[in-house]
Amino acid sequence: MSISCEIIKDLLPLYLDDVCSNDSKTAVTEHIAACEKCNAEFQGMQSNLHLGSVGDNMREAEAVKELSKRWKKGMVKSLIKGALIALAVIAAIAILAFVFLDVRIIYA
């Protein structure tokens, strides 16, 4: 059975990650052995795939965690700052209304 190059191109990422079925692996292996164009595509995908070392990946993961902590901390600070500014604006409006518009609070 002949499989088109387009289908093989769709399967190549799965083939590289070793997550396709055995039938798909066999079909891709046979096709890239016979088709120079798809073999070149496969070779290009292999050379572009850089996983790095475990140590490098762990350092990157730690850096992302640290960045996430700083971002969350900054978000909390911004939320508190925004709430305080909103309260200050509301208090200023209330004071101005009380002083200049002669608004009085009526107690029941």
N, C-alpha and C. Protein backbone atom coordinates (compact mmCIF):
# COMPACT_ATOMS: atom_id res chain seq x y z
N MET A 1 0.84 -1.18 0.00
CA MET A 1 0.00 0.00 0.00
C MET A 1 0.89 1.25 0.00
N SER A 2 0.61 2.16 -0.91
CA SER A 2 1.39 3.38 -1.04
C SER A 2 0.74 4.49 -0.21
N ILE A 3 1.55 5.13 0.60
CA ILE A 3 1.06 6.24 1.43
C ILE A 3 1.65 7.52 0.88
N SER A 4 0.81 8.55 0.79
CA SER A 4 1.26 9.81 0.21
C SER A 4 2.29 10.49 1.12
N CYS A 5 3.08 11.34 0.50
CA CYS A 5 4.10 12.10 1.24
C CYS A 5 3.44 13.01 2.28
N GLU A 6 2.27 13.54 1.97
CA GLU A 6 1.59 14.43 2.92
C GLU A 6 1.23 13.70 4.21
N ILE A 7 0.78 12.46 4.08
CA ILE A 7 0.45 11.68 5.28
C ILE A 7 1.72 11.37 6.06
N ILE A 8 2.78 11.04 5.36
CA ILE A 8 4.06 10.77 6.04
C ILE A 8 4.54 12.02 6.77
N LYS A 9 4.41 13.19 6.14
CA LYS A 9 4.82 14.44 6.80
C LYS A 9 4.01 14.68 8.06
N ASP A 10 2.73 14.30 8.02
CA ASP A 10 1.90 14.44 9.22
C ASP A 10 2.33 13.48 10.33
N LEU A 11 2.82 12.31 9.93
CA LEU A 11 3.23 11.29 10.90
C LEU A 11 4.65 11.48 11.43
N LEU A 12 5.48 12.23 10.73
CA LEU A 12 6.89 12.37 11.13
C LEU A 12 7.08 12.86 12.57
N PRO A 13 6.36 13.89 13.02
CA PRO A 13 6.56 14.31 14.42
C PRO A 13 6.22 13.20 15.42
N LEU A 14 5.16 12.46 15.15
CA LEU A 14 4.80 11.34 16.03
C LEU A 14 5.87 10.25 15.97
N TYR A 15 6.39 10.01 14.78
CA TYR A 15 7.44 9.02 14.58
C TYR A 15 8.70 9.42 15.36
N LEU A 16 9.06 10.69 15.28
CA LEU A 16 10.25 11.17 16.01
C LEU A 16 10.08 11.06 17.52
N ASP A 17 8.86 11.33 17.99
CA ASP A 17 8.59 11.25 19.43
C ASP A 17 8.32 9.82 19.89
N ASP A 18 8.26 8.90 18.94
CA ASP A 18 8.01 7.48 19.23
C ASP A 18 6.67 7.28 19.94
N VAL A 19 5.64 7.96 19.44
CA VAL A 19 4.31 7.83 20.03
C VAL A 19 3.27 7.34 19.03
N CYS A 20 3.69 6.95 17.85
CA CYS A 20 2.73 6.43 16.87
C CYS A 20 2.66 4.91 16.98
N SER A 21 1.65 4.33 16.37
CA SER A 21 1.46 2.88 16.43
C SER A 21 2.58 2.17 15.66
N ASN A 22 2.68 0.88 15.90
CA ASN A 22 3.71 0.08 15.21
C ASN A 22 3.46 0.07 13.70
N ASP A 23 2.19 0.03 13.30
CA ASP A 23 1.88 0.05 11.86
C ASP A 23 2.33 1.37 11.24
N SER A 24 2.11 2.47 11.95
CA SER A 24 2.54 3.78 11.44
C SER A 24 4.06 3.86 11.38
N LYS A 25 4.73 3.33 12.40
CA LYS A 25 6.20 3.33 12.40
C LYS A 25 6.73 2.57 11.19
N THR A 26 6.14 1.40 10.94
CA THR A 26 6.58 0.59 9.81
C THR A 26 6.35 1.33 8.50
N ALA A 27 5.18 1.95 8.36
CA ALA A 27 4.85 2.67 7.13
C ALA A 27 5.81 3.84 6.92
N VAL A 28 6.10 4.59 7.98
CA VAL A 28 7.01 5.73 7.86
C VAL A 28 8.42 5.26 7.54
N THR A 29 8.88 4.21 8.22
CA THR A 29 10.22 3.68 7.98
C THR A 29 10.38 3.24 6.53
N GLU A 30 9.39 2.51 6.05
CA GLU A 30 9.46 2.04 4.66
C GLU A 30 9.42 3.21 3.68
N HIS A 31 8.57 4.19 3.97
CA HIS A 31 8.43 5.32 3.05
C HIS A 31 9.70 6.17 2.99
N ILE A 32 10.26 6.50 4.15
CA ILE A 32 11.44 7.37 4.13
C ILE A 32 12.67 6.64 3.58
N ALA A 33 12.64 5.30 3.60
CA ALA A 33 13.72 4.54 2.97
C ALA A 33 13.65 4.64 1.45
N ALA A 34 12.44 4.81 0.92
CA ALA A 34 12.26 4.83 -0.53
C ALA A 34 12.11 6.24 -1.10
N CYS A 35 11.73 7.20 -0.30
CA CYS A 35 11.44 8.56 -0.79
C CYS A 35 12.51 9.53 -0.29
N GLU A 36 13.29 10.06 -1.19
CA GLU A 36 14.37 10.98 -0.82
C GLU A 36 13.84 12.28 -0.21
N LYS A 37 12.73 12.77 -0.75
CA LYS A 37 12.15 14.02 -0.27
C LYS A 37 11.71 13.90 1.20
N CYS A 38 11.00 12.83 1.51
CA CYS A 38 10.55 12.62 2.89
C CYS A 38 11.71 12.29 3.81
N ASN A 39 12.71 11.58 3.29
CA ASN A 39 13.89 11.28 4.09
C ASN A 39 14.63 12.57 4.44
N ALA A 40 14.72 13.49 3.49
CA ALA A 40 15.37 14.77 3.76
C ALA A 40 14.59 15.55 4.82
N GLU A 41 13.27 15.51 4.71
CA GLU A 41 12.42 16.18 5.71
C GLU A 41 12.66 15.56 7.09
N PHE A 42 12.71 14.24 7.13
CA PHE A 42 12.96 13.52 8.39
C PHE A 42 14.32 13.89 8.97
N GLN A 43 15.35 13.92 8.13
CA GLN A 43 16.69 14.28 8.59
C GLN A 43 16.73 15.71 9.12
N GLY A 44 16.01 16.60 8.44
CA GLY A 44 15.94 17.98 8.89
C GLY A 44 15.25 18.11 10.23
N MET A 45 14.20 17.33 10.43
CA MET A 45 13.49 17.37 11.72
C MET A 45 14.37 16.82 12.83
N GLN A 46 15.15 15.79 12.52
CA GLN A 46 16.04 15.22 13.53
C GLN A 46 17.13 16.21 13.92
N SER A 47 17.67 16.93 12.96
CA SER A 47 18.76 17.86 13.27
C SER A 47 18.25 19.10 13.99
N ASN A 48 16.99 19.46 13.81
CA ASN A 48 16.42 20.63 14.48
C ASN A 48 15.96 20.32 15.89
N LEU A 49 15.85 19.06 16.24
CA LEU A 49 15.36 18.67 17.54
C LEU A 49 16.48 18.73 18.56
N HIS A 50 16.40 19.69 19.48
CA HIS A 50 17.41 19.84 20.52
C HIS A 50 16.72 19.74 21.87
N LEU A 51 16.99 18.67 22.57
CA LEU A 51 16.35 18.46 23.87
C LEU A 51 17.16 19.01 25.03
N GLY A 52 18.45 19.12 24.88
CA GLY A 52 19.29 19.62 25.96
C GLY A 52 19.50 18.54 27.01
N SER A 53 20.36 18.84 27.96
CA SER A 53 20.65 17.88 29.02
C SER A 53 19.63 18.03 30.14
N VAL A 54 19.57 17.03 30.98
CA VAL A 54 18.64 17.05 32.10
C VAL A 54 18.96 18.21 33.03
N GLY A 55 20.24 18.45 33.25
CA GLY A 55 20.65 19.56 34.13
C GLY A 55 20.21 20.90 33.58
N ASP A 56 20.38 21.10 32.27
CA ASP A 56 19.94 22.35 31.65
C ASP A 56 18.43 22.51 31.77
N ASN A 57 17.71 21.43 31.52
CA ASN A 57 16.25 21.49 31.61
C ASN A 57 15.79 21.78 33.03
N MET A 58 16.46 21.22 34.01
CA MET A 58 16.09 21.48 35.41
C MET A 58 16.37 22.93 35.79
N ARG A 59 17.49 23.47 35.32
CA ARG A 59 17.80 24.89 35.60
C ARG A 59 16.77 25.80 34.95
N GLU A 60 16.37 25.47 33.73
CA GLU A 60 15.34 26.26 33.07
C GLU A 60 14.01 26.17 33.81
N ALA A 61 13.68 24.98 34.30
CA ALA A 61 12.44 24.81 35.05
C ALA A 61 12.47 25.64 36.34
N GLU A 62 13.60 25.65 37.03
CA GLU A 62 13.74 26.45 38.25
C GLU A 62 13.62 27.94 37.94
N ALA A 63 14.21 28.36 36.83
CA ALA A 63 14.12 29.77 36.44
C ALA A 63 12.68 30.15 36.14
N VAL A 64 11.94 29.26 35.50
CA VAL A 64 10.53 29.54 35.21
C VAL A 64 9.72 29.60 36.50
N LYS A 65 10.01 28.71 37.45
CA LYS A 65 9.32 28.74 38.75
C LYS A 65 9.58 30.06 39.47
N GLU A 66 10.84 30.49 39.47
CA GLU A 66 11.19 31.75 40.14
C GLU A 66 10.50 32.93 39.48
N LEU A 67 10.49 32.92 38.16
CA LEU A 67 9.81 33.99 37.42
C LEU A 67 8.32 34.00 37.74
N SER A 68 7.72 32.82 37.84
CA SER A 68 6.31 32.71 38.17
C SER A 68 6.02 33.27 39.56
N LYS A 69 6.90 32.97 40.52
CA LYS A 69 6.73 33.49 41.89
C LYS A 69 6.79 35.01 41.89
N ARG A 70 7.78 35.57 41.18
CA ARG A 70 7.91 37.03 41.13
C ARG A 70 6.71 37.66 40.46
N TRP A 71 6.20 37.03 39.41
CA TRP A 71 5.05 37.57 38.70
C TRP A 71 3.83 37.57 39.61
N LYS A 72 3.60 36.47 40.33
CA LYS A 72 2.45 36.39 41.25
C LYS A 72 2.58 37.43 42.36
N LYS A 73 3.80 37.59 42.89
CA LYS A 73 4.03 38.57 43.94
C LYS A 73 3.73 39.98 43.42
N GLY A 74 4.17 40.27 42.20
CA GLY A 74 3.90 41.56 41.59
C GLY A 74 2.40 41.78 41.37
N MET A 75 1.69 40.73 41.00
CA MET A 75 0.25 40.84 40.80
C MET A 75 -0.45 41.17 42.11
N VAL A 76 -0.05 40.55 43.21
CA VAL A 76 -0.65 40.81 44.52
C VAL A 76 -0.36 42.26 44.93
N LYS A 77 0.88 42.70 44.72
CA LYS A 77 1.22 44.09 45.06
C LYS A 77 0.38 45.07 44.24
N SER A 78 0.21 44.78 42.97
CA SER A 78 -0.58 45.66 42.10
C SER A 78 -2.03 45.69 42.55
N LEU A 79 -2.57 44.55 42.94
CA LEU A 79 -3.95 44.48 43.41
C LEU A 79 -4.14 45.30 44.68
N ILE A 80 -3.21 45.16 45.61
CA ILE A 80 -3.30 45.93 46.86
C ILE A 80 -3.15 47.42 46.58
N LYS A 81 -2.20 47.78 45.73
CA LYS A 81 -2.00 49.19 45.38
C LYS A 81 -3.25 49.76 44.72
N GLY A 82 -3.85 49.00 43.82
CA GLY A 82 -5.07 49.45 43.14
C GLY A 82 -6.22 49.64 44.12
N ALA A 83 -6.36 48.71 45.06
CA ALA A 83 -7.44 48.81 46.05
C ALA A 83 -7.23 50.03 46.94
N LEU A 84 -5.98 50.28 47.34
CA LEU A 84 -5.70 51.45 48.19
C LEU A 84 -5.95 52.76 47.44
N ILE A 85 -5.58 52.81 46.18
CA ILE A 85 -5.83 54.01 45.38
C ILE A 85 -7.33 54.23 45.22
N ALA A 86 -8.08 53.15 44.96
CA ALA A 86 -9.53 53.27 44.82
C ALA A 86 -10.16 53.78 46.11
N LEU A 87 -9.72 53.26 47.26
CA LEU A 87 -10.24 53.72 48.55
C LEU A 87 -9.89 55.19 48.78
N ALA A 88 -8.69 55.60 48.41
CA ALA A 88 -8.29 56.99 48.58
C ALA A 88 -9.14 57.91 47.70
N VAL A 89 -9.42 57.50 46.48
CA VAL A 89 -10.24 58.31 45.58
C VAL A 89 -11.66 58.42 46.13
N ILE A 90 -12.21 57.31 46.61
CA ILE A 90 -13.57 57.33 47.18
C ILE A 90 -13.61 58.21 48.41
N ALA A 91 -12.59 58.14 49.26
CA ALA A 91 -12.54 58.99 50.46
C ALA A 91 -12.43 60.46 50.07
N ALA A 92 -11.62 60.76 49.06
CA ALA A 92 -11.48 62.16 48.62
C ALA A 92 -12.79 62.67 48.06
N ILE A 93 -13.48 61.89 47.29
CA ILE A 93 -14.78 62.31 46.74
C ILE A 93 -15.78 62.52 47.87
N ALA A 94 -15.79 61.62 48.85
CA ALA A 94 -16.71 61.76 49.99
C ALA A 94 -16.41 63.02 50.78
N ILE A 95 -15.14 63.31 51.01
CA ILE A 95 -14.76 64.53 51.75
C ILE A 95 -15.15 65.77 50.97
N LEU A 96 -14.87 65.79 49.68
CA LEU A 96 -15.24 66.93 48.85
C LEU A 96 -16.76 67.13 48.83
N ALA A 97 -17.50 66.05 48.73
CA ALA A 97 -18.96 66.14 48.73
C ALA A 97 -19.44 66.67 50.07
N PHE A 98 -18.84 66.21 51.15
CA PHE A 98 -19.24 66.65 52.49
C PHE A 98 -18.93 68.13 52.69
N VAL A 99 -17.74 68.59 52.24
CA VAL A 99 -17.31 69.96 52.49
C VAL A 99 -17.99 70.94 51.53
N PHE A 100 -17.96 70.63 50.23
CA PHE A 100 -18.43 71.62 49.26
C PHE A 100 -19.91 71.50 48.88
N LEU A 101 -20.47 70.35 48.99
CA LEU A 101 -21.86 70.18 48.59
C LEU A 101 -22.79 70.13 49.79
N ASP A 102 -22.22 70.25 50.95
CA ASP A 102 -22.98 70.26 52.20
C ASP A 102 -23.83 69.00 52.33
N VAL A 103 -23.21 67.87 52.03
CA VAL A 103 -23.90 66.59 52.17
C VAL A 103 -23.75 66.15 53.61
N ARG A 104 -24.83 65.80 54.20
CA ARG A 104 -24.81 65.36 55.60
C ARG A 104 -25.31 63.92 55.69
N ILE A 105 -24.72 63.22 56.62
CA ILE A 105 -25.16 61.85 56.86
C ILE A 105 -26.28 61.90 57.88
N ILE A 106 -27.37 61.29 57.52
CA ILE A 106 -28.55 61.30 58.41
C ILE A 106 -28.57 59.99 59.17
N TYR A 107 -28.57 60.12 60.47
CA TYR A 107 -28.62 58.92 61.31
C TYR A 107 -30.06 58.67 61.71
N ALA A 108 -30.48 57.46 61.61
CA ALA A 108 -31.87 57.14 61.95
C ALA A 108 -32.04 56.88 63.40
